[in-house]
Structure formats: structure tokens, C-alpha cells
Amino acid sequence: MNMKIGFVIYGALDTLSGGYLYDRMLVEYLRAQGDTVEIISLPWRNYAAHLTDNFTFKLPPNLDMLIQDELNHPSLIAANRKKHPYPVVSLVHHLRCSELRPQWQNIFYRVIEKQYLQSVDGFIFNSQTTQKAVNGVMENGKPCVVAYPPTDRFGEAISEEEISQRAISDELRILFLGNIIERKGLHTLLDAVKDVTQNASKSQRSKVLVDVIGSLTSDPDYAAQMQEFVKVNSLSSLVTFHSSLNNQPLIEKLKNAHILVVPSSYEGFGIVYLEGMAFGLPAIGTTAGAAGEVIDDGATGFLIQPGNSQSLAAKLQIMNEKRDLLVQMSLAARSRYLAQPKWNQTANQIRVFLQSMIQTT
């Protein structure tokens, strides 16, 4: 059964982030199966302005199904509450009220998100962690599916031989991959690199190099603070900002790195960790959010408490000095990637779920 589907997002579908990658590849898969998918794009604005969309936005007609990226939740509550002739399914990457911020702000966001979550007919969750987060906000008896994000966009994993050869190096090459926003934790990594550098005399292998790949315009004030931190602490020869990269330039950076570090304060899943593991990169994330669904602490990487730069520095020092351990964890990371279901399997699972929603409406 082919479907006519609407897909609500903010901004452009080709935005470079893990969530938009998921949305984009789902759209591509559905279209490849013969489904018609119409992108309904609402303009990016601030949260208060998005709430005013409730006065004007109406659900589009003549569809079999409407998927909404949950990121759009403040704009859609009123429209969803009105009678609609087709099911509305929310694709939830992570909840805004799950992010690390002052409690009073998250109480406000939780109230808004709860109203939105109650207004839809079903859910696509990107992880069990996200499903649990939604169940913690509302009593959820609605149809749902947990479908892990696409992690195989770069093709086959690199060879074990390449991983072993790469470890023979006098420096530890660290990759940070994510938009330069506070939630992603670049400040924690830079603090750790500063500590490692200051303690260089205690280590036989002291030099660490960091490639920072991600948008510098998502939060320009924070990005400027990070660049200033690098300059003030004399890290400019060690830390390089590349802005956003994609395709072959990004692949080359992934192949060249030893370890992936994204110490985010919250991830709904963390596509980036598994993508790095395809290149044999042990991942360092945090205990907050779903990173623990990907990273086996001490085997395929490490989990630290959010913001704990001293713990991160210690992990980096271990990986820098014990190259046999680096190789062991790199090979384990590669094996973890190979065990992940391929995207076509996951996307087909979503499509079957959508068809079942239409048939029972």
C-alpha cells in the first residue's frame, strides 16, 4: 500500500544534524518505496514566536498520514487538537524538557510538550531512552515504534588492519563532531585538553590534537566563547575549528581520528557515536540521555558525568598512553557498529508501522 504523507519540520530538510539526517533518510526511503512525501516547512524562530503559530497553522488536507518532527511541538498543539481525517504521528528525537537547563525553564517546557504529546495519535521513537522520557511526561498507551537512527550512511566499516596501523602515532587525534552549541559539551572537552596539556611532562605521549567539526552559526555566542577559550589558553596549535563538513571531507577526518568525543549534556540517541564506531573510533559520551544505549563503558568507549572535564582528561590520558588498549577498544567499537541493524531494516519497520496506523484509523 503506497501512502501520501506530510512531514512537518522547521527550516530545511538538508540541515546538518543527527535529527535532520534521520528525517531526511526516512523521507528518502519512503519515496523509494513509492510513497508520496510532502515536506511542510515552518520557519525557524524563537520559542515564543513558535507558540504563536497555533493561531494560524492548520493541518494540510488530502493526506493519508502526517508525521511531525517533535522539535516542532510548540507550533502544532492547536492544529492537532482539531478533528483530522488521518493519523498524526510524532517523530521524537528527544524532548526539550530533557535537556540540561534551570529547572524552572524545564517545568515550563514540560507543560507545553505534554500538551503536544497528548495531541498526537502515535509515536516514532529513536531510542528506548526517548520512549521512557515521553512515558515519564504522560501516560502513553498510544501506538508507537522504537526505530534506531541511520548509522550506515558512510558504507562499510574500515578494516581492522587500518585501525591497528592508525594507532601508531605520537599524538592522540580527537574528533568532536556536532553543532557548536552548549548542549554538545565542547567546553568540557576543551577544559580536558587544557588539563592534559598542562600535565604533559608526566606523559610519554603528551600531544593531543582536536578537530572540531560542526556549525559555528547555530549558537554564535557560544562558538565565539569556545574559540576565545582556545586562544586564551594557548591551544590554537592543538585545536582546529572546521565548521560543518559532509561527505568525503568528513569521511577523511573520521578515518584519521583515534577517538570521538562528544560529551553532550543530553542525547536522545547519539547517531554520531555509532557513525564514529564504523571508523573504529571509541566514543566518549555522558551518562545523561541515550549514549549508554550505544557506548559500553570501558569496552567501546567511556561514559562520564556531564561537565566532568577532569574525568574526561583522565580517559584521554589513558587512551594516549596505552595504545594497546586504544586498539582493543577501537576494534570493539567496530564490532559494535557491525552489530547495529541496517537502516533499510529500521526504515521498513517504520513504514509497516505507518501503514498499520492508517489501516486502523
Foldseek 3Di string as FASTA:
>chain_A
DAFEEEEEDEDDLPDDDQVSQQVVVLCVLSVVVVHHYHYDYDYDDDLVVLLVLLVPDADDPDGQEYEYALVSQSNPLNNLQDDDPHFYEYEYFAQPLLFDDDNVVSVVSLVSSLSSVVSGQEYEAQDVLRVVVNCVSDPDPHHYDHFHGAQQPVDAFDDLVLLLVLLPDLEAEEEEAEAQDVQQPVVLQVVLLLVLQVCQVVAPRRHYAYEYAEACPVDVVSSVVVVVSCVVSVNVVRYDYDYHDDDPVVVVSLLNHLAYEGAGSEGQACSPCLNSLSNLHQYEYEPHHHVVVQHDDPAQHHYHHRSPSNVVSVRVRCCSRDSVSSSRNSVSSNVSSVPDDHNSVSSVVVVVSSVVSSVVD
